[in-house]
Amino acid sequence: MLVRDGMSTVVLTIGPTHTLRAAARLMAARQIGAAVVIDPDTSGIGILTERDILLSLGADQDPDQEIAGDHLTANVVFATPHWSLADAAVAMNRGNFRHLVVLDRGDVAGIISVRDIVRCTLQEQARLARESAAELVG
């Protein structure tokens, strides 16, 4: 299976001046753990995760004053839709993160999480089990 099979194509994008509270509200409303941060001034792409917000709160920082641009990961590892899910999992494990921004020809095409990879893997295992059972019966 490929990243394109498991990624979400609906991506929350925010600007670097969004407060952490605003970002958290948007993420919570969509029940997601990451937002892609696009800086129109630099054409840079970053990612803000629930972990980034949690670290800020744990440091007693004010989520109404802290902005996404000061807490995002700027050195993002990007995937392409054509990566295998295994390649995505290896990149996540190596980098110790749970989300990959998916780029297609330089544009944000989606985002994939560890949860997405687990879901796809379980679906594929169930499909293979059904096929194996059908072969035994047939």
N, C-alpha and C. Protein backbone atom coordinates (compact mmCIF):
# COMPACT_ATOMS: atom_id res chain seq x y z
N MET A 1 0.84 -1.18 0.00
CA MET A 1 0.00 0.00 0.00
C MET A 1 0.89 1.24 0.00
N LEU A 2 0.33 2.30 -0.54
CA LEU A 2 1.08 3.54 -0.68
C LEU A 2 0.52 4.63 0.23
N VAL A 3 1.32 5.65 0.45
CA VAL A 3 0.90 6.77 1.27
C VAL A 3 -0.41 7.35 0.75
N ARG A 4 -0.57 7.44 -0.55
CA ARG A 4 -1.80 8.02 -1.11
C ARG A 4 -3.04 7.22 -0.72
N ASP A 5 -2.87 5.93 -0.40
CA ASP A 5 -4.00 5.09 0.00
C ASP A 5 -4.46 5.37 1.42
N GLY A 6 -3.58 5.94 2.23
CA GLY A 6 -3.93 6.14 3.64
C GLY A 6 -3.97 7.58 4.09
N MET A 7 -3.45 8.49 3.28
CA MET A 7 -3.35 9.88 3.73
C MET A 7 -4.71 10.56 3.71
N SER A 8 -4.81 11.58 4.53
CA SER A 8 -5.98 12.45 4.51
C SER A 8 -5.68 13.58 3.54
N THR A 9 -6.61 13.84 2.65
CA THR A 9 -6.41 14.93 1.70
C THR A 9 -7.03 16.23 2.20
N VAL A 10 -7.76 16.14 3.29
CA VAL A 10 -8.31 17.34 3.93
C VAL A 10 -7.32 17.72 5.03
N VAL A 11 -6.61 18.82 4.79
CA VAL A 11 -5.52 19.22 5.68
C VAL A 11 -5.85 20.56 6.32
N LEU A 12 -5.71 20.63 7.62
CA LEU A 12 -5.85 21.90 8.31
C LEU A 12 -4.58 22.70 8.09
N THR A 13 -4.72 23.86 7.48
CA THR A 13 -3.57 24.75 7.31
C THR A 13 -3.85 26.03 8.09
N ILE A 14 -2.80 26.49 8.76
CA ILE A 14 -2.88 27.73 9.53
C ILE A 14 -1.66 28.57 9.18
N GLY A 15 -1.70 29.81 9.61
CA GLY A 15 -0.56 30.70 9.42
C GLY A 15 0.32 30.70 10.66
N PRO A 16 1.53 31.22 10.53
CA PRO A 16 2.46 31.21 11.66
C PRO A 16 2.05 32.15 12.79
N THR A 17 1.10 33.06 12.55
CA THR A 17 0.68 33.99 13.60
C THR A 17 -0.56 33.52 14.35
N HIS A 18 -1.09 32.37 14.00
CA HIS A 18 -2.20 31.81 14.79
C HIS A 18 -1.70 31.56 16.21
N THR A 19 -2.52 31.88 17.19
CA THR A 19 -2.14 31.55 18.56
C THR A 19 -2.26 30.05 18.76
N LEU A 20 -1.58 29.56 19.79
CA LEU A 20 -1.68 28.13 20.08
C LEU A 20 -3.10 27.76 20.48
N ARG A 21 -3.79 28.66 21.16
CA ARG A 21 -5.17 28.35 21.53
C ARG A 21 -6.04 28.23 20.27
N ALA A 22 -5.88 29.13 19.34
CA ALA A 22 -6.67 29.07 18.10
C ALA A 22 -6.34 27.79 17.34
N ALA A 23 -5.07 27.45 17.27
CA ALA A 23 -4.67 26.21 16.58
C ALA A 23 -5.27 25.00 17.29
N ALA A 24 -5.20 24.99 18.61
CA ALA A 24 -5.74 23.86 19.38
C ALA A 24 -7.25 23.73 19.16
N ARG A 25 -7.95 24.84 19.12
CA ARG A 25 -9.40 24.80 18.90
C ARG A 25 -9.72 24.21 17.52
N LEU A 26 -8.98 24.66 16.51
CA LEU A 26 -9.21 24.15 15.15
C LEU A 26 -8.90 22.66 15.07
N MET A 27 -7.80 22.25 15.70
CA MET A 27 -7.42 20.84 15.68
C MET A 27 -8.45 20.00 16.42
N ALA A 28 -8.90 20.49 17.58
CA ALA A 28 -9.88 19.75 18.37
C ALA A 28 -11.21 19.63 17.62
N ALA A 29 -11.63 20.69 16.97
CA ALA A 29 -12.90 20.66 16.23
C ALA A 29 -12.86 19.63 15.11
N ARG A 30 -11.69 19.41 14.54
CA ARG A 30 -11.56 18.45 13.43
C ARG A 30 -11.06 17.08 13.91
N GLN A 31 -10.80 16.98 15.22
CA GLN A 31 -10.32 15.74 15.83
C GLN A 31 -9.05 15.24 15.14
N ILE A 32 -8.10 16.16 14.99
CA ILE A 32 -6.82 15.83 14.37
C ILE A 32 -5.68 16.26 15.28
N GLY A 33 -4.51 15.71 15.05
CA GLY A 33 -3.37 15.97 15.92
C GLY A 33 -2.31 16.86 15.33
N ALA A 34 -2.55 17.43 14.15
CA ALA A 34 -1.52 18.27 13.54
C ALA A 34 -2.13 19.26 12.56
N ALA A 35 -1.47 20.39 12.42
CA ALA A 35 -1.85 21.39 11.44
C ALA A 35 -0.61 21.75 10.63
N VAL A 36 -0.80 21.92 9.35
CA VAL A 36 0.29 22.37 8.49
C VAL A 36 0.33 23.89 8.58
N VAL A 37 1.53 24.41 8.84
CA VAL A 37 1.70 25.85 8.98
C VAL A 37 2.38 26.36 7.71
N ILE A 38 1.67 27.23 7.02
CA ILE A 38 2.21 27.79 5.78
C ILE A 38 2.48 29.27 6.01
N ASP A 39 3.72 29.66 5.77
CA ASP A 39 4.12 31.06 5.91
C ASP A 39 4.14 31.70 4.54
N PRO A 40 3.17 32.55 4.23
CA PRO A 40 3.11 33.14 2.89
C PRO A 40 4.28 34.06 2.59
N ASP A 41 4.95 34.57 3.63
CA ASP A 41 6.08 35.47 3.42
C ASP A 41 7.34 34.73 3.00
N THR A 42 7.48 33.49 3.44
CA THR A 42 8.69 32.73 3.12
C THR A 42 8.43 31.53 2.24
N SER A 43 7.16 31.25 1.97
CA SER A 43 6.76 30.04 1.24
C SER A 43 7.20 28.78 1.96
N GLY A 44 7.45 28.90 3.26
CA GLY A 44 7.87 27.75 4.05
C GLY A 44 6.69 26.95 4.55
N ILE A 45 6.93 25.67 4.74
CA ILE A 45 5.90 24.76 5.26
C ILE A 45 6.43 24.14 6.54
N GLY A 46 5.66 24.25 7.60
CA GLY A 46 6.00 23.63 8.87
C GLY A 46 4.83 22.80 9.35
N ILE A 47 4.99 22.22 10.53
CA ILE A 47 3.90 21.44 11.12
C ILE A 47 3.84 21.73 12.61
N LEU A 48 2.63 21.93 13.10
CA LEU A 48 2.38 22.14 14.51
C LEU A 48 1.56 20.97 14.98
N THR A 49 2.03 20.29 16.01
CA THR A 49 1.34 19.10 16.49
C THR A 49 0.81 19.31 17.90
N GLU A 50 -0.04 18.40 18.30
CA GLU A 50 -0.56 18.43 19.66
C GLU A 50 0.57 18.37 20.67
N ARG A 51 1.64 17.69 20.35
CA ARG A 51 2.80 17.60 21.24
C ARG A 51 3.44 18.98 21.41
N ASP A 52 3.54 19.75 20.33
CA ASP A 52 4.11 21.10 20.41
C ASP A 52 3.28 21.98 21.36
N ILE A 53 1.98 21.88 21.25
CA ILE A 53 1.09 22.66 22.12
C ILE A 53 1.22 22.20 23.56
N LEU A 54 1.27 20.89 23.77
CA LEU A 54 1.42 20.34 25.10
C LEU A 54 2.72 20.79 25.76
N LEU A 55 3.82 20.79 25.00
CA LEU A 55 5.11 21.24 25.55
C LEU A 55 5.05 22.70 25.97
N SER A 56 4.37 23.53 25.17
CA SER A 56 4.22 24.94 25.52
C SER A 56 3.41 25.10 26.80
N LEU A 57 2.30 24.39 26.89
CA LEU A 57 1.48 24.47 28.10
C LEU A 57 2.24 23.95 29.32
N GLY A 58 2.99 22.89 29.13
CA GLY A 58 3.79 22.33 30.23
C GLY A 58 4.87 23.28 30.72
N ALA A 59 5.27 24.20 29.85
CA ALA A 59 6.27 25.21 30.23
C ALA A 59 5.60 26.48 30.76
N ASP A 60 4.30 26.39 31.07
CA ASP A 60 3.52 27.50 31.61
C ASP A 60 3.46 28.71 30.69
N GLN A 61 3.51 28.46 29.39
CA GLN A 61 3.38 29.55 28.43
C GLN A 61 1.89 29.80 28.17
N ASP A 62 1.57 31.03 27.83
CA ASP A 62 0.19 31.45 27.62
C ASP A 62 -0.24 31.12 26.20
N PRO A 63 -1.21 30.20 26.02
CA PRO A 63 -1.62 29.81 24.67
C PRO A 63 -2.30 30.93 23.89
N ASP A 64 -2.70 32.00 24.59
CA ASP A 64 -3.28 33.15 23.90
C ASP A 64 -2.21 34.12 23.41
N GLN A 65 -1.00 33.97 23.88
CA GLN A 65 0.11 34.83 23.48
C GLN A 65 1.12 34.13 22.58
N GLU A 66 1.26 32.83 22.77
CA GLU A 66 2.24 32.06 21.99
C GLU A 66 1.66 31.81 20.60
N ILE A 67 2.53 31.90 19.59
CA ILE A 67 2.07 31.72 18.21
C ILE A 67 2.68 30.46 17.59
N ALA A 68 1.97 29.94 16.62
CA ALA A 68 2.38 28.69 15.96
C ALA A 68 3.79 28.78 15.40
N GLY A 69 4.13 29.91 14.82
CA GLY A 69 5.45 30.06 14.20
C GLY A 69 6.61 29.88 15.16
N ASP A 70 6.37 30.06 16.45
CA ASP A 70 7.42 29.89 17.45
C ASP A 70 7.48 28.47 18.01
N HIS A 71 6.55 27.61 17.63
CA HIS A 71 6.49 26.28 18.22
C HIS A 71 6.44 25.16 17.18
N LEU A 72 6.40 25.49 15.93
CA LEU A 72 6.28 24.48 14.88
C LEU A 72 7.61 23.79 14.62
N THR A 73 7.51 22.68 13.93
CA THR A 73 8.69 22.01 13.40
C THR A 73 8.89 22.55 12.00
N ALA A 74 10.03 23.20 11.79
CA ALA A 74 10.30 23.81 10.49
C ALA A 74 11.07 22.87 9.57
N ASN A 75 11.88 22.00 10.15
CA ASN A 75 12.66 21.04 9.35
C ASN A 75 11.83 19.79 9.13
N VAL A 76 10.78 19.94 8.34
CA VAL A 76 9.81 18.88 8.15
C VAL A 76 10.34 17.83 7.19
N VAL A 77 10.07 16.57 7.52
CA VAL A 77 10.32 15.48 6.60
C VAL A 77 9.04 15.30 5.80
N PHE A 78 9.15 15.38 4.51
CA PHE A 78 7.98 15.26 3.64
C PHE A 78 7.94 13.89 2.99
N ALA A 79 6.74 13.40 2.77
CA ALA A 79 6.53 12.16 2.02
C ALA A 79 5.93 12.55 0.67
N THR A 80 5.92 11.60 -0.23
CA THR A 80 5.18 11.78 -1.48
C THR A 80 4.06 10.75 -1.49
N PRO A 81 3.04 10.96 -2.29
CA PRO A 81 1.94 9.99 -2.36
C PRO A 81 2.40 8.61 -2.81
N HIS A 82 3.56 8.54 -3.44
CA HIS A 82 4.04 7.28 -4.01
C HIS A 82 4.94 6.49 -3.07
N TRP A 83 5.23 7.03 -1.91
CA TRP A 83 5.97 6.26 -0.91
C TRP A 83 5.14 5.08 -0.47
N SER A 84 5.80 4.01 -0.08
CA SER A 84 5.08 2.90 0.54
C SER A 84 4.75 3.29 1.98
N LEU A 85 3.74 2.65 2.55
CA LEU A 85 3.42 2.90 3.95
C LEU A 85 4.59 2.50 4.84
N ALA A 86 5.33 1.47 4.43
CA ALA A 86 6.50 1.04 5.20
C ALA A 86 7.55 2.14 5.21
N ASP A 87 7.78 2.80 4.07
CA ASP A 87 8.75 3.90 4.01
C ASP A 87 8.30 5.04 4.93
N ALA A 88 7.02 5.34 4.93
CA ALA A 88 6.50 6.39 5.80
C ALA A 88 6.70 6.02 7.27
N ALA A 89 6.42 4.77 7.61
CA ALA A 89 6.59 4.32 9.00
C ALA A 89 8.05 4.40 9.41
N VAL A 90 8.96 4.02 8.53
CA VAL A 90 10.39 4.10 8.84
C VAL A 90 10.81 5.54 9.08
N ALA A 91 10.34 6.46 8.22
CA ALA A 91 10.69 7.87 8.38
C ALA A 91 10.16 8.41 9.71
N MET A 92 8.93 8.02 10.07
CA MET A 92 8.35 8.48 11.33
C MET A 92 9.13 7.93 12.52
N ASN A 93 9.48 6.67 12.44
CA ASN A 93 10.23 6.04 13.53
C ASN A 93 11.61 6.68 13.66
N ARG A 94 12.28 6.88 12.55
CA ARG A 94 13.62 7.47 12.55
C ARG A 94 13.59 8.89 13.12
N GLY A 95 12.56 9.66 12.75
CA GLY A 95 12.48 11.05 13.19
C GLY A 95 11.76 11.25 14.51
N ASN A 96 11.18 10.17 15.04
CA ASN A 96 10.43 10.22 16.30
C ASN A 96 9.26 11.20 16.23
N PHE A 97 8.48 11.09 15.15
CA PHE A 97 7.28 11.90 15.02
C PHE A 97 6.15 11.04 14.49
N ARG A 98 4.92 11.57 14.55
CA ARG A 98 3.74 10.77 14.23
C ARG A 98 2.97 11.25 13.01
N HIS A 99 3.44 12.30 12.36
CA HIS A 99 2.76 12.83 11.18
C HIS A 99 3.77 13.16 10.08
N LEU A 100 3.37 12.95 8.85
CA LEU A 100 4.16 13.35 7.69
C LEU A 100 3.29 14.20 6.79
N VAL A 101 3.81 15.34 6.40
CA VAL A 101 3.15 16.15 5.38
C VAL A 101 3.47 15.52 4.04
N VAL A 102 2.46 15.37 3.20
CA VAL A 102 2.62 14.74 1.89
C VAL A 102 2.63 15.84 0.83
N LEU A 103 3.72 15.89 0.08
CA LEU A 103 3.85 16.85 -1.01
C LEU A 103 3.77 16.14 -2.34
N ASP A 104 3.07 16.77 -3.27
CA ASP A 104 3.00 16.28 -4.64
C ASP A 104 3.35 17.46 -5.55
N ARG A 105 4.47 17.37 -6.22
CA ARG A 105 4.99 18.44 -7.08
C ARG A 105 5.12 19.76 -6.33
N GLY A 106 5.55 19.69 -5.08
CA GLY A 106 5.79 20.89 -4.28
C GLY A 106 4.59 21.43 -3.54
N ASP A 107 3.40 20.89 -3.80
CA ASP A 107 2.18 21.35 -3.13
C ASP A 107 1.75 20.36 -2.05
N VAL A 108 1.15 20.88 -0.98
CA VAL A 108 0.63 20.01 0.07
C VAL A 108 -0.53 19.21 -0.51
N ALA A 109 -0.38 17.89 -0.52
CA ALA A 109 -1.40 17.00 -1.06
C ALA A 109 -2.18 16.29 0.04
N GLY A 110 -1.58 16.24 1.24
CA GLY A 110 -2.24 15.55 2.32
C GLY A 110 -1.35 15.44 3.53
N ILE A 111 -1.81 14.66 4.49
CA ILE A 111 -1.05 14.38 5.70
C ILE A 111 -1.35 12.94 6.08
N ILE A 112 -0.34 12.26 6.58
CA ILE A 112 -0.54 10.88 7.02
C ILE A 112 0.02 10.73 8.42
N SER A 113 -0.70 9.99 9.24
CA SER A 113 -0.31 9.78 10.63
C SER A 113 -0.02 8.31 10.89
N VAL A 114 0.56 8.06 12.03
CA VAL A 114 0.79 6.68 12.45
C VAL A 114 -0.55 5.93 12.49
N ARG A 115 -1.58 6.61 12.99
CA ARG A 115 -2.91 5.99 13.07
C ARG A 115 -3.40 5.57 11.68
N ASP A 116 -3.15 6.42 10.68
CA ASP A 116 -3.55 6.08 9.31
C ASP A 116 -2.82 4.83 8.82
N ILE A 117 -1.54 4.73 9.14
CA ILE A 117 -0.75 3.57 8.72
C ILE A 117 -1.25 2.31 9.39
N VAL A 118 -1.55 2.40 10.69
CA VAL A 118 -2.08 1.23 11.41
C VAL A 118 -3.42 0.81 10.81
N ARG A 119 -4.30 1.78 10.55
CA ARG A 119 -5.62 1.47 9.97
C ARG A 119 -5.47 0.76 8.63
N CYS A 120 -4.62 1.28 7.76
CA CYS A 120 -4.43 0.68 6.44
C CYS A 120 -3.82 -0.72 6.55
N THR A 121 -2.88 -0.88 7.45
CA THR A 121 -2.24 -2.18 7.63
C THR A 121 -3.25 -3.21 8.12
N LEU A 122 -4.10 -2.83 9.08
CA LEU A 122 -5.12 -3.76 9.57
C LEU A 122 -6.13 -4.10 8.50
N GLN A 123 -6.51 -3.12 7.69
CA GLN A 123 -7.46 -3.38 6.59
C GLN A 123 -6.83 -4.34 5.58
N GLU A 124 -5.57 -4.14 5.28
CA GLU A 124 -4.89 -5.01 4.32
C GLU A 124 -4.76 -6.44 4.88
N GLN A 125 -4.45 -6.57 6.16
CA GLN A 125 -4.36 -7.90 6.77
C GLN A 125 -5.72 -8.59 6.76
N ALA A 126 -6.78 -7.85 7.02
CA ALA A 126 -8.13 -8.44 7.00
C ALA A 126 -8.47 -8.89 5.58
N ARG A 127 -8.12 -8.08 4.59
CA ARG A 127 -8.38 -8.45 3.19
C ARG A 127 -7.64 -9.72 2.82
N LEU A 128 -6.38 -9.81 3.22
CA LEU A 128 -5.58 -11.00 2.91
C LEU A 128 -6.14 -12.23 3.62
N ALA A 129 -6.61 -12.06 4.84
CA ALA A 129 -7.20 -13.18 5.58
C ALA A 129 -8.47 -13.67 4.90
N ARG A 130 -9.30 -12.74 4.41
CA ARG A 130 -10.53 -13.13 3.71
C ARG A 130 -10.18 -13.88 2.44
N GLU A 131 -9.19 -13.40 1.70
CA GLU A 131 -8.78 -14.08 0.46
C GLU A 131 -8.24 -15.48 0.77
N SER A 132 -7.47 -15.61 1.82
CA SER A 132 -6.91 -16.90 2.20
C SER A 132 -8.02 -17.87 2.60
N ALA A 133 -9.00 -17.36 3.34
CA ALA A 133 -10.12 -18.20 3.77
C ALA A 133 -10.95 -18.62 2.55
N ALA A 134 -11.12 -17.72 1.60
CA ALA A 134 -11.90 -18.04 0.39
C ALA A 134 -11.19 -19.11 -0.43
N GLU A 135 -9.87 -19.08 -0.47
CA GLU A 135 -9.10 -20.09 -1.20
C GLU A 135 -9.25 -21.46 -0.56
N LEU A 136 -9.29 -21.49 0.78
CA LEU A 136 -9.43 -22.74 1.49
C LEU A 136 -10.81 -23.37 1.25
N VAL A 137 -11.82 -22.53 1.17
CA VAL A 137 -13.19 -22.99 0.97
C VAL A 137 -13.41 -23.38 -0.49
N GLY A 138 -12.87 -22.55 -1.39
CA GLY A 138 -13.15 -22.72 -2.81
C GLY A 138 -12.28 -23.72 -3.45
